[in-house]
N, C-alpha and C. Protein backbone atom coordinates (compact mmCIF):
# COMPACT_ATOMS: atom_id res chain seq x y z
N MET A 1 0.06 -66.77 32.45
CA MET A 1 1.24 -66.15 31.89
C MET A 1 1.46 -66.67 30.47
N SER A 2 2.02 -65.82 29.69
CA SER A 2 2.28 -66.22 28.31
C SER A 2 3.52 -67.11 28.24
N TYR A 3 3.60 -67.84 27.15
CA TYR A 3 4.75 -68.72 26.92
C TYR A 3 6.05 -67.92 26.90
N LEU A 4 6.01 -66.73 26.29
CA LEU A 4 7.21 -65.90 26.19
C LEU A 4 7.72 -65.50 27.58
N VAL A 5 6.81 -65.10 28.45
CA VAL A 5 7.20 -64.68 29.80
C VAL A 5 7.80 -65.86 30.56
N LEU A 6 7.14 -67.02 30.48
CA LEU A 6 7.66 -68.21 31.15
C LEU A 6 9.03 -68.61 30.60
N SER A 7 9.18 -68.50 29.31
CA SER A 7 10.45 -68.85 28.66
C SER A 7 11.57 -67.93 29.13
N ILE A 8 11.30 -66.64 29.20
CA ILE A 8 12.30 -65.67 29.66
C ILE A 8 12.67 -65.94 31.11
N MET A 9 11.66 -66.20 31.95
CA MET A 9 11.92 -66.48 33.37
C MET A 9 12.77 -67.74 33.51
N PHE A 10 12.43 -68.79 32.77
CA PHE A 10 13.16 -70.05 32.85
C PHE A 10 14.61 -69.85 32.39
N ASN A 11 14.79 -69.16 31.27
CA ASN A 11 16.14 -68.91 30.75
C ASN A 11 16.98 -68.13 31.75
N HIS A 12 16.37 -67.14 32.41
CA HIS A 12 17.09 -66.35 33.41
C HIS A 12 17.53 -67.25 34.57
N MET A 13 16.62 -68.14 35.02
CA MET A 13 16.94 -69.04 36.13
C MET A 13 18.07 -69.99 35.73
N VAL A 14 18.02 -70.52 34.53
CA VAL A 14 19.05 -71.45 34.07
C VAL A 14 20.39 -70.75 33.96
N GLU A 15 20.40 -69.56 33.38
CA GLU A 15 21.65 -68.81 33.23
C GLU A 15 22.23 -68.45 34.59
N HIS A 16 21.37 -68.02 35.51
CA HIS A 16 21.84 -67.66 36.85
C HIS A 16 22.42 -68.90 37.54
N ASN A 17 21.72 -70.01 37.45
CA ASN A 17 22.18 -71.24 38.08
C ASN A 17 23.49 -71.72 37.45
N ASN A 18 23.63 -71.57 36.13
CA ASN A 18 24.87 -71.96 35.46
C ASN A 18 26.04 -71.12 35.94
N ASP A 19 25.82 -69.82 36.10
CA ASP A 19 26.89 -68.95 36.61
C ASP A 19 27.31 -69.38 38.01
N LYS A 20 26.32 -69.68 38.84
CA LYS A 20 26.61 -70.11 40.21
C LYS A 20 27.39 -71.42 40.21
N LEU A 21 26.93 -72.38 39.41
CA LEU A 21 27.64 -73.67 39.31
C LEU A 21 29.05 -73.49 38.77
N ASP A 22 29.19 -72.66 37.74
CA ASP A 22 30.52 -72.41 37.17
C ASP A 22 31.47 -71.87 38.23
N ASN A 23 30.99 -70.92 39.04
CA ASN A 23 31.83 -70.34 40.09
C ASN A 23 32.21 -71.38 41.14
N ILE A 24 31.26 -72.23 41.51
CA ILE A 24 31.53 -73.26 42.52
C ILE A 24 32.56 -74.26 42.00
N PHE A 25 32.32 -74.78 40.79
CA PHE A 25 33.24 -75.78 40.25
C PHE A 25 34.62 -75.18 39.94
N GLN A 26 34.64 -73.93 39.51
CA GLN A 26 35.93 -73.27 39.27
C GLN A 26 36.70 -73.14 40.60
N ALA A 27 36.00 -72.76 41.64
CA ALA A 27 36.65 -72.61 42.95
C ALA A 27 37.18 -73.95 43.45
N LEU A 28 36.40 -75.01 43.26
CA LEU A 28 36.79 -76.33 43.76
C LEU A 28 37.77 -77.06 42.86
N ALA A 29 38.03 -76.51 41.67
CA ALA A 29 38.96 -77.16 40.74
C ALA A 29 40.40 -77.09 41.23
N ASP A 30 40.69 -76.15 42.08
CA ASP A 30 42.05 -75.96 42.57
C ASP A 30 42.26 -76.74 43.87
N PRO A 31 43.30 -77.58 43.94
CA PRO A 31 43.51 -78.39 45.15
C PRO A 31 43.79 -77.56 46.41
N THR A 32 44.41 -76.41 46.26
CA THR A 32 44.66 -75.54 47.41
C THR A 32 43.35 -75.05 47.99
N ARG A 33 42.41 -74.64 47.12
CA ARG A 33 41.11 -74.17 47.61
C ARG A 33 40.29 -75.31 48.20
N ARG A 34 40.38 -76.50 47.62
CA ARG A 34 39.66 -77.64 48.20
C ARG A 34 40.17 -77.92 49.61
N GLU A 35 41.48 -77.80 49.80
CA GLU A 35 42.06 -78.02 51.13
C GLU A 35 41.57 -76.95 52.10
N LYS A 36 41.45 -75.72 51.64
CA LYS A 36 40.95 -74.64 52.49
C LYS A 36 39.50 -74.92 52.90
N VAL A 37 38.70 -75.40 51.97
CA VAL A 37 37.31 -75.76 52.29
C VAL A 37 37.30 -76.86 53.35
N ARG A 38 38.18 -77.85 53.19
CA ARG A 38 38.26 -78.93 54.17
C ARG A 38 38.64 -78.39 55.56
N LEU A 39 39.60 -77.47 55.60
CA LEU A 39 40.02 -76.88 56.88
C LEU A 39 38.89 -76.08 57.53
N ILE A 40 38.20 -75.31 56.72
CA ILE A 40 37.13 -74.46 57.25
C ILE A 40 35.92 -75.30 57.66
N ALA A 41 35.72 -76.45 57.04
CA ALA A 41 34.57 -77.30 57.37
C ALA A 41 34.60 -77.75 58.82
N SER A 42 35.78 -77.95 59.37
CA SER A 42 35.89 -78.43 60.74
C SER A 42 35.85 -77.30 61.77
N ASN A 43 36.21 -76.08 61.34
CA ASN A 43 36.27 -74.97 62.28
C ASN A 43 36.47 -73.66 61.52
N ASP A 44 35.92 -72.57 62.01
CA ASP A 44 36.19 -71.27 61.42
C ASP A 44 37.69 -71.00 61.52
N ARG A 45 38.24 -70.31 60.52
CA ARG A 45 39.68 -70.08 60.49
C ARG A 45 40.00 -68.63 60.15
N THR A 46 41.12 -68.16 60.68
CA THR A 46 41.64 -66.85 60.28
C THR A 46 42.45 -67.05 59.00
N VAL A 47 42.79 -65.95 58.35
CA VAL A 47 43.61 -66.02 57.14
C VAL A 47 44.95 -66.65 57.47
N SER A 48 45.54 -66.29 58.60
CA SER A 48 46.83 -66.87 59.01
C SER A 48 46.72 -68.38 59.21
N GLU A 49 45.64 -68.83 59.80
CA GLU A 49 45.44 -70.27 60.01
C GLU A 49 45.27 -70.99 58.67
N LEU A 50 44.61 -70.34 57.73
CA LEU A 50 44.44 -70.94 56.41
C LEU A 50 45.76 -70.96 55.64
N ALA A 51 46.62 -70.01 55.93
CA ALA A 51 47.90 -69.91 55.22
C ALA A 51 48.94 -70.88 55.78
N ALA A 52 48.83 -71.24 57.05
CA ALA A 52 49.87 -72.03 57.73
C ALA A 52 50.29 -73.31 57.00
N PRO A 53 49.38 -74.13 56.50
CA PRO A 53 49.83 -75.39 55.87
C PRO A 53 50.44 -75.21 54.48
N PHE A 54 50.44 -74.00 53.95
CA PHE A 54 50.88 -73.78 52.57
C PHE A 54 52.10 -72.89 52.53
N ASP A 55 52.93 -73.13 51.54
CA ASP A 55 54.12 -72.30 51.34
C ASP A 55 53.78 -71.22 50.31
N MET A 56 52.96 -70.26 50.75
CA MET A 56 52.60 -69.15 49.87
C MET A 56 52.35 -67.90 50.70
N SER A 57 52.38 -66.78 50.04
CA SER A 57 52.23 -65.50 50.72
C SER A 57 50.79 -65.30 51.18
N LEU A 58 50.62 -64.38 52.13
CA LEU A 58 49.27 -64.04 52.58
C LEU A 58 48.45 -63.44 51.44
N ALA A 59 49.12 -62.73 50.53
CA ALA A 59 48.42 -62.16 49.37
C ALA A 59 47.85 -63.28 48.49
N ALA A 60 48.62 -64.33 48.28
CA ALA A 60 48.15 -65.46 47.46
C ALA A 60 47.00 -66.18 48.17
N ILE A 61 47.12 -66.36 49.46
CA ILE A 61 46.05 -67.00 50.24
C ILE A 61 44.78 -66.16 50.14
N SER A 62 44.94 -64.84 50.25
CA SER A 62 43.78 -63.94 50.16
C SER A 62 43.07 -64.06 48.81
N LYS A 63 43.84 -64.22 47.75
CA LYS A 63 43.23 -64.40 46.42
C LYS A 63 42.41 -65.68 46.36
N HIS A 64 42.94 -66.76 46.93
CA HIS A 64 42.21 -68.01 46.98
C HIS A 64 40.91 -67.85 47.78
N ILE A 65 41.00 -67.15 48.89
CA ILE A 65 39.83 -66.92 49.74
C ILE A 65 38.77 -66.12 48.98
N LYS A 66 39.20 -65.12 48.22
CA LYS A 66 38.26 -64.31 47.44
C LYS A 66 37.52 -65.16 46.40
N VAL A 67 38.21 -66.10 45.77
CA VAL A 67 37.56 -66.99 44.80
C VAL A 67 36.50 -67.83 45.51
N LEU A 68 36.82 -68.34 46.69
CA LEU A 68 35.86 -69.14 47.46
C LEU A 68 34.68 -68.29 47.91
N GLU A 69 34.94 -67.04 48.28
CA GLU A 69 33.85 -66.12 48.66
C GLU A 69 32.94 -65.83 47.48
N ARG A 70 33.54 -65.53 46.32
CA ARG A 70 32.77 -65.23 45.11
C ARG A 70 31.85 -66.40 44.73
N ALA A 71 32.34 -67.61 44.97
CA ALA A 71 31.55 -68.81 44.67
C ALA A 71 30.49 -69.05 45.75
N GLY A 72 30.55 -68.30 46.83
CA GLY A 72 29.59 -68.46 47.91
C GLY A 72 29.92 -69.60 48.85
N LEU A 73 31.12 -70.17 48.71
CA LEU A 73 31.48 -71.32 49.53
C LEU A 73 31.89 -70.94 50.95
N LEU A 74 32.30 -69.70 51.14
CA LEU A 74 32.60 -69.27 52.49
C LEU A 74 32.21 -67.82 52.68
N ASN A 75 32.01 -67.49 53.94
CA ASN A 75 31.71 -66.11 54.34
C ASN A 75 32.86 -65.62 55.19
N LYS A 76 33.17 -64.37 55.04
CA LYS A 76 34.27 -63.78 55.82
C LYS A 76 33.69 -62.71 56.71
N THR A 77 34.05 -62.74 57.98
CA THR A 77 33.67 -61.69 58.91
C THR A 77 34.94 -61.08 59.49
N THR A 78 34.82 -59.87 59.97
CA THR A 78 35.97 -59.18 60.54
C THR A 78 35.70 -58.88 62.00
N LYS A 79 36.64 -59.28 62.84
CA LYS A 79 36.60 -58.96 64.27
C LYS A 79 37.86 -58.17 64.57
N GLY A 80 37.70 -56.87 64.74
CA GLY A 80 38.87 -56.01 64.91
C GLY A 80 39.67 -55.99 63.63
N ARG A 81 40.91 -56.45 63.71
CA ARG A 81 41.77 -56.52 62.51
C ARG A 81 41.89 -57.94 61.99
N THR A 82 41.10 -58.85 62.55
CA THR A 82 41.20 -60.26 62.17
C THR A 82 40.03 -60.66 61.26
N ASN A 83 40.36 -61.26 60.11
CA ASN A 83 39.35 -61.79 59.21
C ASN A 83 39.15 -63.27 59.50
N ILE A 84 37.90 -63.65 59.69
CA ILE A 84 37.58 -65.04 60.01
C ILE A 84 36.71 -65.60 58.88
N SER A 85 37.10 -66.76 58.37
CA SER A 85 36.37 -67.42 57.29
C SER A 85 35.54 -68.56 57.86
N ARG A 86 34.29 -68.64 57.37
CA ARG A 86 33.36 -69.67 57.81
C ARG A 86 32.77 -70.33 56.58
N LEU A 87 32.66 -71.65 56.60
CA LEU A 87 32.07 -72.39 55.49
C LEU A 87 30.59 -72.07 55.36
N ASN A 88 30.13 -71.93 54.12
CA ASN A 88 28.71 -71.74 53.84
C ASN A 88 28.22 -73.01 53.14
N PRO A 89 27.83 -74.03 53.91
CA PRO A 89 27.49 -75.32 53.31
C PRO A 89 26.28 -75.26 52.38
N ASP A 90 25.39 -74.30 52.58
CA ASP A 90 24.20 -74.18 51.72
C ASP A 90 24.58 -73.93 50.27
N SER A 91 25.71 -73.29 50.05
CA SER A 91 26.11 -72.96 48.68
C SER A 91 26.45 -74.21 47.87
N LEU A 92 26.77 -75.28 48.55
CA LEU A 92 27.11 -76.52 47.85
C LEU A 92 25.87 -77.26 47.34
N SER A 93 24.69 -76.88 47.82
CA SER A 93 23.48 -77.63 47.47
C SER A 93 23.21 -77.65 45.97
N SER A 94 23.43 -76.54 45.27
CA SER A 94 23.18 -76.53 43.83
C SER A 94 24.15 -77.44 43.09
N ALA A 95 25.41 -77.49 43.55
CA ALA A 95 26.39 -78.38 42.92
C ALA A 95 26.05 -79.84 43.22
N ILE A 96 25.61 -80.11 44.44
CA ILE A 96 25.25 -81.47 44.82
C ILE A 96 24.04 -81.94 44.00
N GLU A 97 23.05 -81.06 43.84
CA GLU A 97 21.87 -81.41 43.03
C GLU A 97 22.27 -81.70 41.59
N TRP A 98 23.16 -80.88 41.04
CA TRP A 98 23.59 -81.08 39.66
C TRP A 98 24.30 -82.42 39.53
N LEU A 99 25.20 -82.73 40.44
CA LEU A 99 25.93 -83.99 40.41
C LEU A 99 25.00 -85.20 40.61
N ARG A 100 24.07 -85.04 41.53
CA ARG A 100 23.14 -86.13 41.83
C ARG A 100 22.31 -86.52 40.61
N PHE A 101 21.97 -85.54 39.78
CA PHE A 101 21.20 -85.80 38.56
C PHE A 101 21.94 -86.79 37.67
N TYR A 102 23.26 -86.71 37.64
CA TYR A 102 24.06 -87.55 36.76
C TYR A 102 24.60 -88.81 37.46
N GLU A 103 24.24 -88.97 38.70
CA GLU A 103 24.71 -90.12 39.49
C GLU A 103 24.16 -91.42 38.96
């Protein structure tokens, strides 16, 4: 492969990884979302269960959940009319690798 092709591939990988890291760290920057991750880590939760410890509307909770989903930190499934959130621990691996480099 030519240097140009390798350079383009590498740049694409770095940019993609940076976007992923940015989304993860942005999601974890908020203490409410970090608490939601902690709650989901021990057990899958419904939106109502995630909302219970906080004094905020279900709409606000849903926005926080969407940020966590966009970052890949959780997956949401629907059973009937109930949305269940599950932690996606694999998504943290890129952030852990980045942090470990600077450890």
